[in-house]
Amino acid sequence: MTQVGEGHGTAADEAGPVMTFGVPTVGEILAERYQLEEHVNNDSAGRQVWRGIDVILRRPVAVVLRHPGGESAAEMLQAAVDASRVIHPNLVGVYDAIDEGQRAYVVREWVDGEALRELVTQEGPLDPARATAIAHSIADALAAVHATGMVHGNVHPGTTLIGDDGRVVLADARADSSDSTESDVRSVGGILYYALTGHWPQAEIGRTSSLPDAMRDGNGTIANPRQIRAGVPAYLDDLTMDLLDKRVAAPEADALAAELARLDAAEEEYEDVGPLRFTQGTSAEPVRSTRKIVLGIGALAVIAVLGLIFGIRAISNSGSDEPTGTTQAGTGTQTGQNGGADPANPGNGTQNEAAPKKLALTADMVRIVDPPTGDRTDEGEAKFTVDDDNDTAWRTSGFKESKFYNKPGMGLLINLGSPHAISDVRVEASSPGVAMTLCTGTTDPGDSSQGDEQVVKTYKQLSTGDSDDSDGAPAPPPQCGKGEIKKTTGTNTVIPVGESQKYQYLMVFITELPRDNDGNYRVEISKVEVWGN
């Protein structure tokens, strides 16, 4: 397993600096005690990680070695000394810290298992109960660290180790002046988000990583875990997003640990855990998040308006012999005596109430749309966007300008085979700064230059806002590519649909490209997913 070096600002899966002097070798004994057995990995901070044996106590150890030593290794050694003061079952034990001048090394506990980063990469996102248990262990460890007045500063999927025996431990403390107890706590939200989605919220945590960024919409707003995958309980979703939202006051680590312990003990029965109960100090008053209060007030306002509307409608229809059920605008579903939204019949919910799922897409369901002035040289690459292989992608041609000067844009046309209710479309690109939108039409006129021209002329852009005509009526949808289109701020983008009607034909349409390393403008689209029912 990777024992260290996958924290913030590192890339443990890439080759680190090559040591040219004082290079350790297999069988060498350091400090007349620690025998090096196997080189595990290098990291970009200039350290080698070895599995070793304490020849005196006959136990396995991890040796984190840096060359040269001296001032360049002072931070690593000081962090190890600080960490050795805290003994906790969820913290990796630190045994020794030695500076030999030419090289320095830290000797710590060896954990048989793997990092959370590797676990999620290999097995995919974790189930909510397991994600909660891992976050609970990390919060417990941080509570112990913070109780001593220290900060960990490197809570990350690469420093969260899961032992073969099920033990969860936090390793590799590496705090600097920009770290705080609050940033530690918010990183627990990042651990939850990564465990539930396989994505790391870079901007919200405040440090870059080689892990894939969180899914975001066109405005850069992070997508909730429930928007990315089905089955995430609403309570756990709210807790994760509150920890990542800097507008919401972060709890102390011990309060977060207590809350996660309550949720962890509830296992699958999340609906019974009640409201958020971050209890600070000895106060018995619950601390409710600002975001939830605002949402609650908004929900009450919506309920009041709906009540007024339905009340007026009920009065106006009181003389009718028709049933009193009503139809929700745009849904075609009934409420009331026989409607699925009737509180007395909770099991008869509408299709739109079901959790969205990823719709299966195959190569014959997608194609490139490149209007007549395009050369259509990349038309065979559409299949790479739906093959679940991140090493393949649709790569656009290179252009001298960011905007397509000789055509409105180009896109990926998706034929779902039959109409579906769509919640969102998710796009993974090689870089941010892509102006893209989602369009829809009623047919595919054919994979040809003439067909592409017809698509661009007839497809309409899905609504990007609540713009109205001067008379107050909703504005008609603009022609594809002609409405407001914002640039993406990350490489993973969620394009929400949120419409009650169903769609068979969708097109991810690109109108502006980011600059590539060679000075030309292009982008690679490695993955497109459609979520709905």
Protein backbone atom coordinates (compact mmCIF):
# COMPACT_ATOMS: atom_id res chain seq x y z
CA MET A 1 0.00 0.00 0.00
CA THR A 2 1.00 3.64 -0.31
CA GLN A 3 2.02 4.64 3.19
CA VAL A 4 2.59 8.35 2.73
CA GLY A 5 2.99 11.11 0.20
CA GLU A 6 -0.49 11.42 -1.26
CA GLY A 7 -1.52 14.46 0.73
CA HIS A 8 -2.02 18.02 -0.45
CA GLY A 9 0.32 19.19 -3.14
CA THR A 10 1.86 15.78 -3.77
CA ALA A 11 1.54 13.15 -6.43
CA ALA A 12 2.64 9.87 -4.97
CA ASP A 13 1.82 7.93 -8.07
CA GLU A 14 4.37 9.88 -10.08
CA ALA A 15 8.14 9.48 -9.91
CA GLY A 16 9.68 11.82 -7.34
CA PRO A 17 13.13 13.39 -7.30
CA VAL A 18 16.03 10.99 -7.83
CA MET A 19 18.50 10.86 -4.95
CA THR A 20 22.08 10.95 -6.19
CA PHE A 21 23.93 10.81 -2.90
CA GLY A 22 23.26 8.81 0.24
CA VAL A 23 20.70 6.69 -1.59
CA PRO A 24 19.36 3.98 0.73
CA THR A 25 19.56 0.35 -0.37
CA VAL A 26 17.68 -2.81 0.50
CA GLY A 27 19.18 -4.41 3.60
CA GLU A 28 20.81 -1.21 4.87
CA ILE A 29 20.33 -0.58 8.60
CA LEU A 30 19.69 3.03 9.63
CA ALA A 31 20.67 4.29 13.08
CA GLU A 32 21.86 0.73 13.83
CA ARG A 33 18.21 -0.25 14.24
CA TYR A 34 15.93 0.15 11.22
CA GLN A 35 16.61 -2.27 8.37
CA LEU A 36 15.22 -1.26 4.96
CA GLU A 37 13.23 -4.07 3.35
CA GLU A 38 11.36 -2.62 0.35
CA HIS A 39 11.14 0.73 -1.44
CA VAL A 40 7.42 1.56 -1.56
CA ASN A 41 7.23 4.86 -3.44
CA ASN A 42 8.61 8.37 -3.94
CA ASP A 43 6.66 11.58 -3.62
CA SER A 44 7.00 15.05 -5.15
CA ALA A 45 8.12 16.54 -1.82
CA GLY A 46 11.49 14.84 -2.21
CA ARG A 47 10.91 11.87 0.09
CA GLN A 48 11.27 8.13 -0.30
CA VAL A 49 9.04 5.75 1.60
CA TRP A 50 10.35 2.34 2.64
CA ARG A 51 8.96 -0.63 4.46
CA GLY A 52 11.46 -1.63 7.12
CA ILE A 53 12.02 -3.71 10.23
CA ASP A 54 12.93 -2.49 13.70
CA VAL A 55 15.64 -5.10 14.35
CA ILE A 56 15.49 -4.52 18.10
CA LEU A 57 11.72 -4.79 18.65
CA ARG A 58 11.20 -7.02 15.56
CA ARG A 59 8.25 -5.07 14.23
CA PRO A 60 7.53 -3.60 10.79
CA VAL A 61 7.98 0.14 10.36
CA ALA A 62 7.58 2.75 7.66
CA VAL A 63 10.68 4.86 7.01
CA VAL A 64 10.06 8.24 5.36
CA LEU A 65 13.46 9.47 4.16
CA ARG A 66 14.52 12.80 2.73
CA HIS A 67 17.83 13.71 1.11
CA PRO A 68 19.47 15.99 1.96
CA GLY A 69 18.72 16.55 5.62
CA GLY A 70 19.54 19.75 7.47
CA GLU A 71 17.28 22.77 7.01
CA SER A 72 15.44 21.25 4.04
CA ALA A 73 14.14 18.45 6.25
CA ALA A 74 13.40 20.57 9.33
CA GLU A 75 9.68 20.86 8.62
CA MET A 76 9.28 17.10 8.18
CA LEU A 77 11.19 16.35 11.38
CA GLN A 78 9.33 18.96 13.44
CA ALA A 79 5.96 17.66 12.23
CA ALA A 80 7.02 14.16 13.28
CA VAL A 81 8.10 15.36 16.73
CA ASP A 82 4.77 17.13 17.21
CA ALA A 83 2.80 14.10 16.02
CA SER A 84 4.64 11.82 18.41
CA ARG A 85 3.07 13.70 21.33
CA VAL A 86 -0.43 12.49 20.43
CA ILE A 87 -1.32 8.86 21.06
CA HIS A 88 -4.65 7.84 19.52
CA PRO A 89 -5.90 4.63 17.85
CA ASN A 90 -6.82 6.60 14.71
CA LEU A 91 -3.42 8.26 14.35
CA VAL A 92 -0.34 6.58 12.91
CA GLY A 93 2.25 6.16 15.66
CA VAL A 94 5.55 8.03 15.21
CA TYR A 95 8.59 6.20 16.65
CA ASP A 96 11.67 8.18 15.70
CA ALA A 97 12.94 11.27 13.83
CA ILE A 98 16.63 11.44 12.87
CA ASP A 99 18.70 13.97 10.91
CA GLU A 100 22.06 12.58 9.75
CA GLY A 101 22.99 15.75 7.89
CA GLN A 102 23.16 14.22 4.42
CA ARG A 103 19.73 12.71 4.87
CA ALA A 104 16.90 12.75 7.40
CA TYR A 105 14.18 10.24 8.10
CA VAL A 106 11.10 9.64 10.18
CA VAL A 107 10.29 6.16 11.44
CA ARG A 108 6.63 5.44 12.08
CA GLU A 109 4.06 2.71 12.33
CA TRP A 110 3.56 0.47 9.30
CA VAL A 111 -0.12 -0.08 8.43
CA ASP A 112 -1.04 -3.17 6.42
CA GLY A 113 -3.86 -2.04 4.16
CA GLU A 114 -4.36 0.76 1.67
CA ALA A 115 -5.09 4.46 1.44
CA LEU A 116 -8.66 5.70 0.93
CA ARG A 117 -7.43 7.09 -2.39
CA GLU A 118 -6.50 3.61 -3.62
CA LEU A 119 -9.63 2.01 -2.17
CA VAL A 120 -12.01 4.34 -4.01
CA THR A 121 -9.94 4.22 -7.22
CA GLN A 122 -10.12 0.43 -7.25
CA GLU A 123 -13.63 -0.20 -5.91
CA GLY A 124 -15.47 3.02 -6.73
CA PRO A 125 -17.40 5.27 -4.31
CA LEU A 126 -18.19 3.72 -0.95
CA ASP A 127 -21.60 3.02 0.53
CA PRO A 128 -22.85 5.75 2.92
CA ALA A 129 -22.38 3.67 6.08
CA ARG A 130 -18.71 2.95 5.32
CA ALA A 131 -18.02 6.55 4.31
CA THR A 132 -19.55 7.72 7.58
CA ALA A 133 -17.46 5.29 9.64
CA ILE A 134 -14.24 6.47 7.97
CA ALA A 135 -15.10 10.15 8.50
CA HIS A 136 -15.96 9.38 12.13
CA SER A 137 -12.51 7.88 12.72
CA ILE A 138 -10.74 10.84 11.10
CA ALA A 139 -12.77 13.36 13.13
CA ASP A 140 -11.87 11.44 16.31
CA ALA A 141 -8.19 11.63 15.40
CA LEU A 142 -8.42 15.37 14.71
CA ALA A 143 -10.16 15.96 18.03
CA ALA A 144 -7.15 14.40 19.76
CA VAL A 145 -4.71 16.49 17.72
CA HIS A 146 -6.59 19.75 18.32
CA ALA A 147 -6.85 19.06 22.05
CA THR A 148 -3.05 19.51 22.24
CA GLY A 149 -3.24 22.86 20.43
CA MET A 150 -1.81 21.44 17.20
CA VAL A 151 -3.14 21.29 13.64
CA HIS A 152 -2.77 18.30 11.32
CA GLY A 153 -2.86 20.20 8.03
CA ASN A 154 -2.90 17.22 5.68
CA VAL A 155 -6.25 15.45 5.88
CA HIS A 156 -6.62 13.84 2.48
CA PRO A 157 -7.63 10.51 0.85
CA GLY A 158 -3.92 9.70 0.49
CA THR A 159 -3.18 10.17 4.19
CA THR A 160 -6.33 8.35 5.32
CA LEU A 161 -5.23 4.72 5.67
CA ILE A 162 -7.60 1.77 6.00
CA GLY A 163 -5.94 -1.25 7.58
CA ASP A 164 -6.67 -4.83 6.59
CA ASP A 165 -8.15 -5.22 10.08
CA GLY A 166 -10.62 -2.39 9.42
CA ARG A 167 -8.79 0.22 11.49
CA VAL A 168 -8.79 3.73 10.01
CA VAL A 169 -5.75 5.91 10.74
CA LEU A 170 -4.58 9.37 9.75
CA ALA A 171 -0.92 9.81 8.76
CA ASP A 172 1.61 12.40 7.64
CA ALA A 173 0.79 15.59 9.59
CA ARG A 174 2.24 18.53 7.70
CA ALA A 175 0.70 21.81 8.87
CA ASP A 176 1.94 25.23 7.74
CA SER A 177 0.91 28.80 8.50
CA SER A 178 -2.14 28.61 6.23
CA ASP A 179 -3.64 25.65 8.10
CA SER A 180 -6.05 25.83 11.02
CA THR A 181 -8.33 23.63 13.06
CA GLU A 182 -11.17 24.85 10.84
CA SER A 183 -9.39 23.73 7.65
CA ASP A 184 -8.83 20.33 9.26
CA VAL A 185 -12.54 20.01 10.04
CA ARG A 186 -13.61 21.12 6.57
CA SER A 187 -11.27 18.51 5.13
CA VAL A 188 -13.41 15.87 6.84
CA GLY A 189 -16.19 17.13 4.58
CA GLY A 190 -13.79 16.55 1.69
CA ILE A 191 -13.16 13.00 2.90
CA LEU A 192 -16.92 12.36 2.98
CA TYR A 193 -17.36 13.90 -0.48
CA TYR A 194 -14.54 11.82 -1.95
CA ALA A 195 -15.70 8.59 -0.32
CA LEU A 196 -19.25 9.13 -1.63
CA THR A 197 -18.41 10.40 -5.13
CA GLY A 198 -14.78 9.61 -6.03
CA HIS A 199 -14.09 13.35 -6.49
CA TRP A 200 -12.09 15.76 -4.33
CA PRO A 201 -13.46 19.33 -3.86
CA GLN A 202 -10.28 21.27 -4.62
CA ALA A 203 -11.54 24.85 -4.21
CA GLU A 204 -13.61 24.15 -1.10
CA ILE A 205 -10.68 22.51 0.71
CA GLY A 206 -8.32 25.24 -0.52
CA ARG A 207 -5.47 23.10 -1.84
CA THR A 208 -4.82 21.47 -5.17
CA SER A 209 -4.40 17.74 -5.64
CA SER A 210 -3.92 15.29 -8.47
CA LEU A 211 -7.32 13.78 -7.62
CA PRO A 212 -10.24 14.56 -9.97
CA ASP A 213 -12.03 17.76 -9.01
CA ALA A 214 -15.60 17.80 -7.77
CA MET A 215 -18.44 17.89 -10.29
CA ARG A 216 -19.50 21.50 -10.91
CA ASP A 217 -22.13 23.38 -12.87
CA GLY A 218 -21.39 26.17 -15.34
CA ASN A 219 -21.03 28.67 -12.50
CA GLY A 220 -18.46 26.54 -10.70
CA THR A 221 -20.90 25.52 -7.98
CA ILE A 222 -20.14 22.13 -6.52
CA ALA A 223 -22.69 19.35 -7.10
CA ASN A 224 -24.17 17.63 -4.06
CA PRO A 225 -23.28 13.95 -3.60
CA ARG A 226 -26.99 13.12 -4.13
CA GLN A 227 -26.80 14.76 -7.55
CA ILE A 228 -23.88 12.55 -8.52
CA ARG A 229 -25.09 9.16 -7.30
CA ALA A 230 -28.27 7.60 -6.03
CA GLY A 231 -28.64 6.26 -2.51
CA VAL A 232 -26.90 9.01 -0.53
CA PRO A 233 -29.15 9.85 2.45
CA ALA A 234 -30.33 13.47 2.56
CA TYR A 235 -28.95 13.94 6.06
CA LEU A 236 -25.44 12.79 5.09
CA ASP A 237 -25.62 14.92 1.94
CA ASP A 238 -26.47 18.01 4.00
CA LEU A 239 -23.74 17.32 6.53
CA THR A 240 -21.12 16.96 3.79
CA MET A 241 -22.16 20.15 2.01
CA ASP A 242 -22.32 22.14 5.26
CA LEU A 243 -18.74 21.17 6.10
CA LEU A 244 -17.60 22.35 2.66
CA ASP A 245 -19.62 25.60 2.75
CA LYS A 246 -17.53 28.37 4.32
CA ARG A 247 -20.69 30.42 4.83
CA VAL A 248 -21.68 27.84 7.44
CA ALA A 249 -19.75 27.94 10.72
CA ALA A 250 -17.58 24.85 11.10
CA PRO A 251 -18.00 22.84 14.30
CA GLU A 252 -15.13 21.90 16.58
CA ALA A 253 -13.55 18.55 15.79
CA ASP A 254 -14.91 16.92 18.94
CA ALA A 255 -18.44 18.12 18.14
CA LEU A 256 -18.15 16.78 14.60
CA ALA A 257 -16.84 13.47 15.93
CA ALA A 258 -19.83 13.21 18.28
CA GLU A 259 -22.25 13.92 15.43
CA LEU A 260 -20.61 11.36 13.15
CA ALA A 261 -20.64 8.83 15.99
CA ARG A 262 -24.40 9.34 16.31
CA LEU A 263 -24.83 8.87 12.57
CA ASP A 264 -22.38 5.96 12.47
CA ALA A 265 -24.33 4.18 15.21
CA ALA A 266 -27.57 4.68 13.26
CA GLU A 267 -26.08 2.67 10.35
CA GLU A 268 -28.73 2.51 7.60
CA GLU A 269 -31.52 4.22 9.57
CA TYR A 270 -30.55 7.75 8.58
CA GLU A 271 -34.11 8.99 8.50
CA ASP A 272 -34.31 8.54 12.27
CA VAL A 273 -31.19 10.45 13.27
CA GLY A 274 -32.95 13.82 13.53
CA PRO A 275 -31.61 17.30 12.77
CA LEU A 276 -27.99 18.37 12.88
CA ARG A 277 -26.76 18.45 16.48
CA PHE A 278 -23.34 20.05 16.59
CA THR A 279 -23.09 20.62 20.35
CA GLN A 280 -20.29 23.02 21.16
CA GLY A 281 -18.72 22.79 24.61
CA THR A 282 -21.30 22.12 27.33
CA SER A 283 -24.20 23.93 25.69
CA ALA A 284 -27.25 21.80 25.13
CA GLU A 285 -28.61 24.04 22.39
CA PRO A 286 -28.41 22.54 18.90
CA VAL A 287 -26.43 24.53 16.36
CA ARG A 288 -28.31 24.58 13.07
CA SER A 289 -26.50 25.55 9.89
CA THR A 290 -27.22 28.91 8.28
CA ARG A 291 -27.81 27.20 4.96
CA LYS A 292 -30.49 24.95 6.43
CA ILE A 293 -32.23 27.92 8.12
CA VAL A 294 -32.31 29.79 4.83
CA LEU A 295 -33.58 26.71 2.99
CA GLY A 296 -36.17 26.19 5.68
CA ILE A 297 -37.47 29.75 5.40
CA GLY A 298 -37.56 29.38 1.61
CA ALA A 299 -39.46 26.12 1.90
CA LEU A 300 -42.04 27.73 4.21
CA ALA A 301 -42.48 30.57 1.73
CA VAL A 302 -43.05 28.10 -1.13
CA ILE A 303 -45.54 26.15 0.96
CA ALA A 304 -47.41 29.35 1.78
CA VAL A 305 -47.63 30.37 -1.88
CA LEU A 306 -48.74 26.88 -2.98
CA GLY A 307 -51.31 26.85 -0.21
CA LEU A 308 -52.71 30.16 -1.39
CA ILE A 309 -52.86 28.99 -5.02
CA PHE A 310 -54.51 25.69 -4.22
CA GLY A 311 -56.87 27.41 -1.77
CA ILE A 312 -58.07 29.84 -4.42
CA ARG A 313 -58.40 26.99 -6.93
CA ALA A 314 -60.37 24.91 -4.45
CA ILE A 315 -62.78 27.81 -3.82
CA SER A 316 -63.22 28.44 -7.55
CA ASN A 317 -63.93 24.73 -8.18
CA SER A 318 -66.15 24.19 -5.15
CA GLY A 319 -69.28 24.13 -7.26
CA SER A 320 -67.94 21.52 -9.68
CA ASP A 321 -68.84 17.84 -9.63
CA GLU A 322 -65.29 16.94 -10.75
CA PRO A 323 -62.88 15.26 -8.30
CA THR A 324 -60.84 17.70 -6.21
CA GLY A 325 -57.46 16.30 -7.34
CA THR A 326 -55.11 18.80 -8.98
CA THR A 327 -52.36 18.53 -11.56
CA GLN A 328 -48.96 20.01 -10.74
CA ALA A 329 -47.87 22.42 -13.44
CA GLY A 330 -45.75 20.76 -16.09
CA THR A 331 -45.65 17.33 -14.47
CA GLY A 332 -48.84 15.70 -15.64
CA THR A 333 -49.12 14.00 -12.25
CA GLN A 334 -52.11 14.30 -9.95
CA THR A 335 -52.28 15.07 -6.27
CA GLY A 336 -55.20 14.68 -3.93
CA GLN A 337 -57.54 11.71 -3.79
CA ASN A 338 -55.63 9.49 -6.23
CA GLY A 339 -52.43 11.45 -6.74
CA GLY A 340 -48.97 10.05 -5.95
CA ALA A 341 -48.15 13.10 -3.84
CA ASP A 342 -50.98 12.43 -1.43
CA PRO A 343 -49.48 12.19 2.08
CA ALA A 344 -51.81 9.32 2.77
CA ASN A 345 -50.29 7.38 -0.14
CA PRO A 346 -46.53 7.91 0.17
CA GLY A 347 -45.76 4.78 -1.81
CA ASN A 348 -47.36 6.12 -4.98
CA GLY A 349 -44.74 8.75 -5.82
CA THR A 350 -44.21 10.06 -9.34
CA GLN A 351 -41.40 8.98 -11.62
CA ASN A 352 -39.65 12.31 -11.12
CA GLU A 353 -39.41 11.59 -7.39
CA ALA A 354 -37.19 8.55 -8.04
CA ALA A 355 -33.47 9.03 -7.52
CA PRO A 356 -31.79 9.74 -10.88
CA LYS A 357 -29.52 7.07 -12.31
CA LYS A 358 -26.90 7.05 -15.03
CA LEU A 359 -28.48 6.09 -18.33
CA ALA A 360 -26.56 3.53 -20.37
CA LEU A 361 -24.94 5.07 -23.46
CA THR A 362 -23.29 3.11 -26.25
CA ALA A 363 -21.19 4.12 -29.23
CA ASP A 364 -24.15 3.96 -31.65
CA MET A 365 -26.07 6.49 -29.52
CA VAL A 366 -23.58 9.36 -29.89
CA ARG A 367 -22.02 11.25 -32.78
CA ILE A 368 -20.08 14.46 -33.44
CA VAL A 369 -21.93 17.45 -34.89
CA ASP A 370 -19.61 19.66 -36.96
CA PRO A 371 -21.45 22.18 -39.18
CA PRO A 372 -20.68 22.33 -42.92
CA THR A 373 -17.57 24.49 -42.62
CA GLY A 374 -15.96 21.87 -40.35
CA ASP A 375 -13.67 19.17 -41.73
CA ARG A 376 -15.42 16.32 -39.80
CA THR A 377 -12.04 14.63 -39.21
CA ASP A 378 -12.91 13.73 -35.60
CA GLU A 379 -16.35 12.27 -36.25
CA GLY A 380 -15.22 8.75 -35.28
CA GLU A 381 -14.18 9.86 -31.80
CA ALA A 382 -17.67 10.23 -30.32
CA LYS A 383 -17.50 6.68 -28.98
CA PHE A 384 -14.60 7.66 -26.72
CA THR A 385 -16.91 9.85 -24.62
CA VAL A 386 -19.04 6.88 -23.50
CA ASP A 387 -16.52 4.01 -23.29
CA ASP A 388 -15.73 4.51 -19.56
CA ASP A 389 -12.04 4.76 -20.42
CA ASN A 390 -10.38 7.95 -19.18
CA ASP A 391 -7.42 7.34 -21.50
CA THR A 392 -9.57 7.89 -24.59
CA ALA A 393 -11.33 11.11 -25.56
CA TRP A 394 -12.93 13.14 -28.31
CA ARG A 395 -10.19 15.63 -29.17
CA THR A 396 -11.26 18.65 -31.17
CA SER A 397 -9.11 20.12 -33.89
CA GLY A 398 -6.81 22.98 -32.91
CA PHE A 399 -7.94 26.53 -33.73
CA LYS A 400 -6.12 29.86 -33.76
CA GLU A 401 -8.92 31.58 -31.82
CA SER A 402 -10.97 30.50 -28.83
CA LYS A 403 -14.27 31.02 -30.68
CA PHE A 404 -15.15 29.20 -33.87
CA TYR A 405 -14.80 32.03 -36.36
CA ASN A 406 -16.24 30.01 -39.25
CA LYS A 407 -19.06 28.16 -37.49
CA PRO A 408 -21.26 28.55 -34.37
CA GLY A 409 -19.57 25.65 -32.60
CA MET A 410 -19.55 21.88 -32.51
CA GLY A 411 -21.11 19.28 -30.28
CA LEU A 412 -21.87 15.74 -29.24
CA LEU A 413 -25.35 14.59 -30.25
CA ILE A 414 -26.94 11.95 -28.01
CA ASN A 415 -29.92 9.82 -29.07
CA LEU A 416 -31.33 8.11 -25.99
CA GLY A 417 -33.51 5.84 -28.11
CA SER A 418 -36.71 6.92 -26.33
CA PRO A 419 -37.81 9.93 -24.26
CA HIS A 420 -36.47 10.13 -20.71
CA ALA A 421 -36.87 12.52 -17.79
CA ILE A 422 -33.39 14.03 -17.41
CA SER A 423 -31.93 15.46 -14.20
CA ASP A 424 -28.54 16.51 -15.54
CA VAL A 425 -25.73 15.83 -18.02
CA ARG A 426 -22.14 15.46 -16.75
CA VAL A 427 -19.11 16.26 -18.84
CA GLU A 428 -15.44 15.58 -18.09
CA ALA A 429 -13.03 17.76 -20.07
CA SER A 430 -9.24 18.09 -20.25
CA SER A 431 -9.25 21.66 -18.91
CA PRO A 432 -11.62 24.37 -17.65
CA GLY A 433 -12.64 27.43 -19.64
CA VAL A 434 -14.94 25.63 -22.10
CA ALA A 435 -18.09 27.50 -23.09
CA MET A 436 -20.66 24.74 -23.39
CA THR A 437 -24.41 24.40 -23.22
CA LEU A 438 -27.08 21.75 -23.62
CA CYS A 439 -29.49 21.76 -26.56
CA THR A 440 -32.39 19.55 -27.59
CA GLY A 441 -34.37 18.75 -30.70
CA THR A 442 -36.96 16.33 -32.03
CA THR A 443 -34.90 14.29 -34.48
CA ASP A 444 -31.46 13.51 -35.89
CA PRO A 445 -31.50 14.46 -39.59
CA GLY A 446 -28.44 12.32 -40.33
CA ASP A 447 -24.69 12.05 -39.86
CA SER A 448 -23.65 14.34 -42.71
CA SER A 449 -22.66 17.95 -43.27
CA GLN A 450 -26.23 18.77 -44.25
CA GLY A 451 -27.58 16.92 -41.23
CA ASP A 452 -25.21 18.78 -38.91
CA GLU A 453 -26.30 22.11 -40.38
CA GLN A 454 -29.94 21.19 -39.79
CA VAL A 455 -29.23 20.18 -36.18
CA VAL A 456 -27.58 23.51 -35.35
CA LYS A 457 -30.42 25.46 -36.98
CA THR A 458 -33.33 23.56 -35.42
CA TYR A 459 -32.11 22.50 -31.97
CA LYS A 460 -33.03 24.79 -29.08
CA GLN A 461 -30.90 25.64 -26.10
CA LEU A 462 -32.31 24.46 -22.79
CA SER A 463 -33.26 27.29 -20.45
CA THR A 464 -30.32 28.88 -18.62
CA GLY A 465 -32.40 31.19 -16.44
CA ASP A 466 -35.76 32.78 -15.80
CA SER A 467 -35.59 35.45 -18.48
CA ASP A 468 -38.94 36.89 -19.52
CA ASP A 469 -40.26 38.75 -22.50
CA SER A 470 -41.32 42.35 -21.98
CA ASP A 471 -44.91 41.23 -21.40
CA GLY A 472 -43.85 38.98 -18.51
CA ALA A 473 -44.21 35.70 -20.40
CA PRO A 474 -41.32 33.21 -20.39
CA ALA A 475 -38.86 33.92 -23.21
CA PRO A 476 -38.83 31.29 -25.98
CA PRO A 477 -35.79 29.01 -25.95
CA PRO A 478 -32.96 30.41 -28.11
CA GLN A 479 -31.43 28.62 -31.05
CA CYS A 480 -28.63 26.30 -29.96
CA GLY A 481 -25.55 28.34 -29.13
CA LYS A 482 -27.34 31.69 -29.30
CA GLY A 483 -28.38 32.00 -25.66
CA GLU A 484 -26.29 32.89 -22.63
CA ILE A 485 -23.40 30.43 -22.26
CA LYS A 486 -20.92 30.52 -19.38
CA LYS A 487 -17.44 29.07 -19.33
CA THR A 488 -16.73 26.09 -17.11
CA THR A 489 -14.58 26.68 -14.03
CA GLY A 490 -13.45 23.08 -13.55
CA THR A 491 -12.80 19.97 -15.59
CA ASN A 492 -15.91 18.15 -14.31
CA THR A 493 -19.12 19.97 -15.16
CA VAL A 494 -22.73 19.21 -14.28
CA ILE A 495 -25.30 20.74 -16.63
CA PRO A 496 -28.62 20.66 -14.75
CA VAL A 497 -31.81 20.10 -16.70
CA GLY A 498 -34.49 20.01 -14.02
CA GLU A 499 -37.29 19.99 -16.59
CA SER A 500 -40.50 18.04 -16.16
CA GLN A 501 -40.73 17.08 -19.82
CA LYS A 502 -38.87 14.19 -21.41
CA TYR A 503 -36.08 14.24 -23.99
CA GLN A 504 -34.76 11.75 -26.52
CA TYR A 505 -32.26 13.95 -28.36
CA LEU A 506 -29.68 16.01 -26.44
CA MET A 507 -26.57 17.79 -27.66
CA VAL A 508 -23.63 19.03 -25.61
CA PHE A 509 -22.68 22.06 -27.70
CA ILE A 510 -19.31 23.85 -27.42
CA THR A 511 -19.01 27.47 -28.57
CA GLU A 512 -15.61 28.46 -27.14
CA LEU A 513 -12.42 26.51 -26.49
CA PRO A 514 -9.61 26.85 -23.92
CA ARG A 515 -6.01 27.36 -24.94
CA ASP A 516 -3.87 24.23 -25.22
CA ASN A 517 -0.16 23.86 -24.42
CA ASP A 518 0.83 24.33 -28.06
CA GLY A 519 -0.86 27.75 -28.26
CA ASN A 520 -3.86 26.49 -30.22
CA TYR A 521 -7.39 26.29 -28.84
CA ARG A 522 -8.87 22.84 -28.33
CA VAL A 523 -10.34 20.54 -25.73
CA GLU A 524 -10.61 16.83 -25.05
CA ILE A 525 -13.92 15.40 -23.81
CA SER A 526 -13.24 12.07 -22.13
CA LYS A 527 -16.62 11.37 -20.57
CA VAL A 528 -20.26 12.35 -21.03
CA GLU A 529 -22.96 10.94 -18.76
CA VAL A 530 -26.72 11.46 -18.85
CA TRP A 531 -28.58 11.04 -15.56
CA GLY A 532 -32.32 10.67 -15.21
CA ASN A 533 -35.11 8.11 -15.29
